[in-house]
Amino acid sequence: MRLAVISDSHDHVWNTRKAIEQANRLGVQLMIHCGDMVSPFMLEEFDRFNGRLHLILGNNPGDQILLMKSVLSRSDRVEFHGCFGRVEVLGMSIAFIHDPLEAGHIARSGDFRLVCFGHTHRWFMEDMGGTLLLNPGEILGRKEQPGWALVEISDAGNVDDIRPFRIERIFVDGSV
């Protein structure tokens, strides 16, 4: 199964649109946004995504009331998790939060195989004793080249495998 991990789009419509087009072309089934989407109108861009979107708030939450109303009208394809999200994919627990310090604490708990975060606007990946800590960088393109993480999860049936997934950094300009 393929999932996209993105963060810190900060209402950059064009880069978000490119990332969604890439995710659709690559057959991504699930997208996790690690916060700072900001404006509810951005959900219209995410309506273009063919899969299911999991969304959390960041430190720039924008209009939370309008965001909630917009999410509720899309409840079949968008799940809003508040400030902390978790999903199970092929028996693997994945957590996502915006704050990097909290993400590190969650990763060290050993309760999840993958912990994703945002906020720093910088790509980061570290194996923390069986838990992978991942920041997909930023969609905005302010601190580094805009991009996201493609996570391919194997369906080998062995969730104890140290690397049940493959991570690829995708840039919105099309380079890898």
C-alpha atoms as a PDB file:
ATOM      1  CA  MET A   1       0.000   0.000   0.000  1.00  0.00           C
ATOM      2  CA  ARG A   2       1.176   3.504  -0.777  1.00  0.00           C
ATOM      3  CA  LEU A   3       0.618   6.540   1.377  1.00  0.00           C
ATOM      4  CA  ALA A   4       1.705  10.144   1.066  1.00  0.00           C
ATOM      5  CA  VAL A   5       2.922  12.133   4.047  1.00  0.00           C
ATOM      6  CA  ILE A   6       2.836  15.898   3.556  1.00  0.00           C
ATOM      7  CA  SER A   7       3.098  18.878   5.843  1.00  0.00           C
ATOM      8  CA  ASP A   8       3.253  22.635   6.069  1.00  0.00           C
ATOM      9  CA  SER A   9       1.385  23.504   2.900  1.00  0.00           C
ATOM     10  CA  HIS A  10       0.461  26.924   4.329  1.00  0.00           C
ATOM     11  CA  ASP A  11      -2.141  27.488   1.606  1.00  0.00           C
ATOM     12  CA  HIS A  12       0.313  27.163  -1.278  1.00  0.00           C
ATOM     13  CA  VAL A  13      -2.353  26.098  -3.770  1.00  0.00           C
ATOM     14  CA  TRP A  14      -0.026  25.397  -6.701  1.00  0.00           C
ATOM     15  CA  ASN A  15       2.483  23.191  -4.870  1.00  0.00           C
ATOM     16  CA  THR A  16      -0.349  21.385  -3.088  1.00  0.00           C
ATOM     17  CA  ARG A  17      -2.092  20.758  -6.399  1.00  0.00           C
ATOM     18  CA  LYS A  18       1.141  19.364  -7.904  1.00  0.00           C
ATOM     19  CA  ALA A  19       1.706  17.096  -4.896  1.00  0.00           C
ATOM     20  CA  ILE A  20      -1.831  15.755  -5.146  1.00  0.00           C
ATOM     21  CA  GLU A  21      -1.445  15.134  -8.885  1.00  0.00           C
ATOM     22  CA  GLN A  22       1.794  13.262  -8.197  1.00  0.00           C
ATOM     23  CA  ALA A  23       0.198  11.203  -5.439  1.00  0.00           C
ATOM     24  CA  ASN A  24      -2.686  10.245  -7.711  1.00  0.00           C
ATOM     25  CA  ARG A  25      -0.294   9.267 -10.533  1.00  0.00           C
ATOM     26  CA  LEU A  26       1.742   7.137  -8.110  1.00  0.00           C
ATOM     27  CA  GLY A  27      -1.347   5.270  -6.894  1.00  0.00           C
ATOM     28  CA  VAL A  28      -1.339   6.658  -3.357  1.00  0.00           C
ATOM     29  CA  GLN A  29      -4.379   5.447  -1.420  1.00  0.00           C
ATOM     30  CA  LEU A  30      -4.024   7.383   1.823  1.00  0.00           C
ATOM     31  CA  MET A  31      -2.613  10.834   2.568  1.00  0.00           C
ATOM     32  CA  ILE A  32      -1.541  12.161   5.942  1.00  0.00           C
ATOM     33  CA  HIS A  33      -1.203  15.928   6.353  1.00  0.00           C
ATOM     34  CA  CYS A  34       0.957  16.747   9.401  1.00  0.00           C
ATOM     35  CA  GLY A  35      -0.459  20.208  10.008  1.00  0.00           C
ATOM     36  CA  ASP A  36      -0.417  23.816   8.873  1.00  0.00           C
ATOM     37  CA  MET A  37      -2.850  23.500   6.028  1.00  0.00           C
ATOM     38  CA  VAL A  38      -4.328  26.733   7.485  1.00  0.00           C
ATOM     39  CA  SER A  39      -7.315  27.813   5.332  1.00  0.00           C
ATOM     40  CA  PRO A  40     -10.436  25.696   4.839  1.00  0.00           C
ATOM     41  CA  PHE A  41     -10.501  26.546   1.114  1.00  0.00           C
ATOM     42  CA  MET A  42      -7.484  24.243   0.737  1.00  0.00           C
ATOM     43  CA  LEU A  43      -9.809  21.280   1.214  1.00  0.00           C
ATOM     44  CA  GLU A  44     -11.064  22.016  -2.303  1.00  0.00           C
ATOM     45  CA  GLU A  45      -7.567  21.168  -3.530  1.00  0.00           C
ATOM     46  CA  PHE A  46      -7.560  17.959  -1.511  1.00  0.00           C
ATOM     47  CA  ASP A  47     -10.895  17.017  -3.110  1.00  0.00           C
ATOM     48  CA  ARG A  48      -8.748  16.206  -6.170  1.00  0.00           C
ATOM     49  CA  PHE A  49      -6.988  13.412  -4.253  1.00  0.00           C
ATOM     50  CA  ASN A  50      -8.328   9.966  -5.190  1.00  0.00           C
ATOM     51  CA  GLY A  51      -7.788   8.434  -1.752  1.00  0.00           C
ATOM     52  CA  ARG A  52      -8.578   9.201   1.868  1.00  0.00           C
ATOM     53  CA  LEU A  53      -7.079  12.229   3.662  1.00  0.00           C
ATOM     54  CA  HIS A  54      -6.127  12.267   7.350  1.00  0.00           C
ATOM     55  CA  LEU A  55      -5.645  15.786   8.657  1.00  0.00           C
ATOM     56  CA  ILE A  56      -4.379  17.393  11.868  1.00  0.00           C
ATOM     57  CA  LEU A  57      -3.924  20.963  13.001  1.00  0.00           C
ATOM     58  CA  GLY A  58      -0.543  22.638  13.215  1.00  0.00           C
ATOM     59  CA  ASN A  59       0.568  25.775  14.984  1.00  0.00           C
ATOM     60  CA  ASN A  60      -1.166  27.877  12.281  1.00  0.00           C
ATOM     61  CA  PRO A  61      -4.651  26.413  12.530  1.00  0.00           C
ATOM     62  CA  GLY A  62      -6.540  29.138  10.649  1.00  0.00           C
ATOM     63  CA  ASP A  63     -10.333  29.205  10.936  1.00  0.00           C
ATOM     64  CA  GLN A  64     -10.944  26.023  12.929  1.00  0.00           C
ATOM     65  CA  ILE A  65     -14.748  26.353  12.940  1.00  0.00           C
ATOM     66  CA  LEU A  66     -15.013  26.698   9.173  1.00  0.00           C
ATOM     67  CA  LEU A  67     -12.418  23.944   8.769  1.00  0.00           C
ATOM     68  CA  MET A  68     -14.537  21.583  10.899  1.00  0.00           C
ATOM     69  CA  LYS A  69     -17.648  22.395   8.861  1.00  0.00           C
ATOM     70  CA  SER A  70     -15.736  21.794   5.632  1.00  0.00           C
ATOM     71  CA  VAL A  71     -14.371  18.476   6.898  1.00  0.00           C
ATOM     72  CA  LEU A  72     -17.824  17.319   8.019  1.00  0.00           C
ATOM     73  CA  SER A  73     -19.191  17.893   4.530  1.00  0.00           C
ATOM     74  CA  ARG A  74     -16.440  15.573   3.221  1.00  0.00           C
ATOM     75  CA  SER A  75     -16.589  12.952   5.974  1.00  0.00           C
ATOM     76  CA  ASP A  76     -16.521  10.070   3.503  1.00  0.00           C
ATOM     77  CA  ARG A  77     -13.001  11.018   2.307  1.00  0.00           C
ATOM     78  CA  VAL A  78     -11.476  13.268   4.993  1.00  0.00           C
ATOM     79  CA  GLU A  79     -10.853  12.457   8.625  1.00  0.00           C
ATOM     80  CA  PHE A  80      -9.930  15.284  10.979  1.00  0.00           C
ATOM     81  CA  HIS A  81      -7.963  14.154  14.044  1.00  0.00           C
ATOM     82  CA  GLY A  82      -7.499  17.419  15.930  1.00  0.00           C
ATOM     83  CA  CYS A  83      -3.901  17.857  17.119  1.00  0.00           C
ATOM     84  CA  PHE A  84      -2.856  14.188  17.106  1.00  0.00           C
ATOM     85  CA  GLY A  85      -3.720  11.440  14.663  1.00  0.00           C
ATOM     86  CA  ARG A  86      -3.247   7.718  14.448  1.00  0.00           C
ATOM     87  CA  VAL A  87      -4.090   5.148  11.806  1.00  0.00           C
ATOM     88  CA  GLU A  88      -3.501   1.446  11.276  1.00  0.00           C
ATOM     89  CA  VAL A  89      -2.232   0.403   7.856  1.00  0.00           C
ATOM     90  CA  LEU A  90      -1.682  -3.295   7.125  1.00  0.00           C
ATOM     91  CA  GLY A  91      -1.286  -3.969  10.847  1.00  0.00           C
ATOM     92  CA  MET A  92       1.216  -1.161  11.355  1.00  0.00           C
ATOM     93  CA  SER A  93       0.455   1.708  13.753  1.00  0.00           C
ATOM     94  CA  ILE A  94       1.204   5.186  12.421  1.00  0.00           C
ATOM     95  CA  ALA A  95       1.043   8.384  14.489  1.00  0.00           C
ATOM     96  CA  PHE A  96       1.163  11.959  13.254  1.00  0.00           C
ATOM     97  CA  ILE A  97       1.531  15.233  15.085  1.00  0.00           C
ATOM     98  CA  HIS A  98       2.837  18.648  14.098  1.00  0.00           C
ATOM     99  CA  ASP A  99       5.335  19.320  16.881  1.00  0.00           C
ATOM    100  CA  PRO A 100       8.785  17.694  16.490  1.00  0.00           C
ATOM    101  CA  LEU A 101       9.509  17.401  20.234  1.00  0.00           C
ATOM    102  CA  GLU A 102       6.240  15.600  20.887  1.00  0.00           C
ATOM    103  CA  ALA A 103       6.866  13.414  17.840  1.00  0.00           C
ATOM    104  CA  GLY A 104      10.207  12.361  19.310  1.00  0.00           C
ATOM    105  CA  HIS A 105       8.569  11.402  22.618  1.00  0.00           C
ATOM    106  CA  ILE A 106       5.901   9.408  20.791  1.00  0.00           C
ATOM    107  CA  ALA A 107       8.531   7.631  18.679  1.00  0.00           C
ATOM    108  CA  ARG A 108      10.574   6.702  21.764  1.00  0.00           C
ATOM    109  CA  SER A 109       7.478   5.135  23.357  1.00  0.00           C
ATOM    110  CA  GLY A 110       7.703   2.251  20.901  1.00  0.00           C
ATOM    111  CA  ASP A 111       3.926   2.230  20.450  1.00  0.00           C
ATOM    112  CA  PHE A 112       4.104   3.055  16.741  1.00  0.00           C
ATOM    113  CA  ARG A 113       6.128   1.826  13.767  1.00  0.00           C
ATOM    114  CA  LEU A 114       6.024   5.212  12.034  1.00  0.00           C
ATOM    115  CA  VAL A 115       5.687   8.671  13.602  1.00  0.00           C
ATOM    116  CA  CYS A 116       5.278  11.630  11.253  1.00  0.00           C
ATOM    117  CA  PHE A 117       5.566  15.304  12.106  1.00  0.00           C
ATOM    118  CA  GLY A 118       5.949  18.740  10.523  1.00  0.00           C
ATOM    119  CA  HIS A 119       6.644  22.268  11.751  1.00  0.00           C
ATOM    120  CA  THR A 120      10.363  22.533  10.921  1.00  0.00           C
ATOM    121  CA  HIS A 121       9.757  22.714   7.159  1.00  0.00           C
ATOM    122  CA  ARG A 122      12.743  20.372   6.706  1.00  0.00           C
ATOM    123  CA  TRP A 123      13.035  16.748   5.588  1.00  0.00           C
ATOM    124  CA  PHE A 124      14.087  14.474   8.434  1.00  0.00           C
ATOM    125  CA  MET A 125      14.186  10.717   8.863  1.00  0.00           C
ATOM    126  CA  GLU A 126      15.634   8.698  11.734  1.00  0.00           C
ATOM    127  CA  ASP A 127      15.245   5.120  12.898  1.00  0.00           C
ATOM    128  CA  MET A 128      14.608   5.173  16.631  1.00  0.00           C
ATOM    129  CA  GLY A 129      14.930   1.520  17.557  1.00  0.00           C
ATOM    130  CA  GLY A 130      12.176   0.063  15.403  1.00  0.00           C
ATOM    131  CA  THR A 131      10.152   3.250  15.038  1.00  0.00           C
ATOM    132  CA  LEU A 132      10.804   5.498  12.094  1.00  0.00           C
ATOM    133  CA  LEU A 133      10.533   9.223  12.809  1.00  0.00           C
ATOM    134  CA  LEU A 134       9.731  11.152   9.631  1.00  0.00           C
ATOM    135  CA  ASN A 135       9.255  14.771   8.640  1.00  0.00           C
ATOM    136  CA  PRO A 136       8.269  14.978   4.947  1.00  0.00           C
ATOM    137  CA  GLY A 137       9.561  18.539   4.613  1.00  0.00           C
ATOM    138  CA  GLU A 138       7.279  21.259   3.369  1.00  0.00           C
ATOM    139  CA  ILE A 139       4.876  21.791   0.524  1.00  0.00           C
ATOM    140  CA  LEU A 140       5.253  25.562   0.907  1.00  0.00           C
ATOM    141  CA  GLY A 141       8.815  25.736  -0.441  1.00  0.00           C
ATOM    142  CA  ARG A 142      10.076  28.440   1.888  1.00  0.00           C
ATOM    143  CA  LYS A 143      13.005  26.712   3.642  1.00  0.00           C
ATOM    144  CA  GLU A 144      13.750  23.938   1.181  1.00  0.00           C
ATOM    145  CA  GLN A 145      12.589  22.535  -2.112  1.00  0.00           C
ATOM    146  CA  PRO A 146       8.883  21.695  -1.763  1.00  0.00           C
ATOM    147  CA  GLY A 147       8.196  18.009  -1.437  1.00  0.00           C
ATOM    148  CA  TRP A 148       6.600  15.127   0.410  1.00  0.00           C
ATOM    149  CA  ALA A 149       7.254  11.524   1.411  1.00  0.00           C
ATOM    150  CA  LEU A 150       5.975   8.487  -0.447  1.00  0.00           C
ATOM    151  CA  VAL A 151       5.694   5.587   1.995  1.00  0.00           C
ATOM    152  CA  GLU A 152       5.257   2.131   0.538  1.00  0.00           C
ATOM    153  CA  ILE A 153       4.148  -0.399   3.104  1.00  0.00           C
ATOM    154  CA  SER A 154       4.794  -4.038   2.324  1.00  0.00           C
ATOM    155  CA  ASP A 155       2.017  -6.525   2.772  1.00  0.00           C
ATOM    156  CA  ALA A 156       4.421  -9.285   3.694  1.00  0.00           C
ATOM    157  CA  GLY A 157       2.411 -10.067   6.801  1.00  0.00           C
ATOM    158  CA  ASN A 158       5.422  -9.613   9.076  1.00  0.00           C
ATOM    159  CA  VAL A 159       4.848  -6.452  11.114  1.00  0.00           C
ATOM    160  CA  ASP A 160       7.914  -7.343  13.203  1.00  0.00           C
ATOM    161  CA  ASP A 161      10.136  -6.715  10.173  1.00  0.00           C
ATOM    162  CA  ILE A 162      12.515  -3.856  10.988  1.00  0.00           C
ATOM    163  CA  ARG A 163      11.716  -2.181   7.642  1.00  0.00           C
ATOM    164  CA  PRO A 164       8.158  -3.000   6.618  1.00  0.00           C
ATOM    165  CA  PHE A 165       8.150   0.106   4.433  1.00  0.00           C
ATOM    166  CA  ARG A 166      10.160   1.983   1.854  1.00  0.00           C
ATOM    167  CA  ILE A 167      10.391   5.796   1.981  1.00  0.00           C
ATOM    168  CA  GLU A 168      10.997   7.952  -1.073  1.00  0.00           C
ATOM    169  CA  ARG A 169      11.302  11.721  -1.079  1.00  0.00           C
ATOM    170  CA  ILE A 170       9.246  13.276  -3.881  1.00  0.00           C
ATOM    171  CA  PHE A 171       9.742  16.887  -4.962  1.00  0.00           C
ATOM    172  CA  VAL A 172       6.825  18.793  -6.450  1.00  0.00           C
ATOM    173  CA  ASP A 173       8.939  19.659  -9.492  1.00  0.00           C
ATOM    174  CA  GLY A 174       8.994  15.966 -10.328  1.00  0.00           C
ATOM    175  CA  SER A 175      12.493  15.051  -9.185  1.00  0.00           C
ATOM    176  CA  VAL A 176      13.234  12.336  -6.639  1.00  0.00           C
END
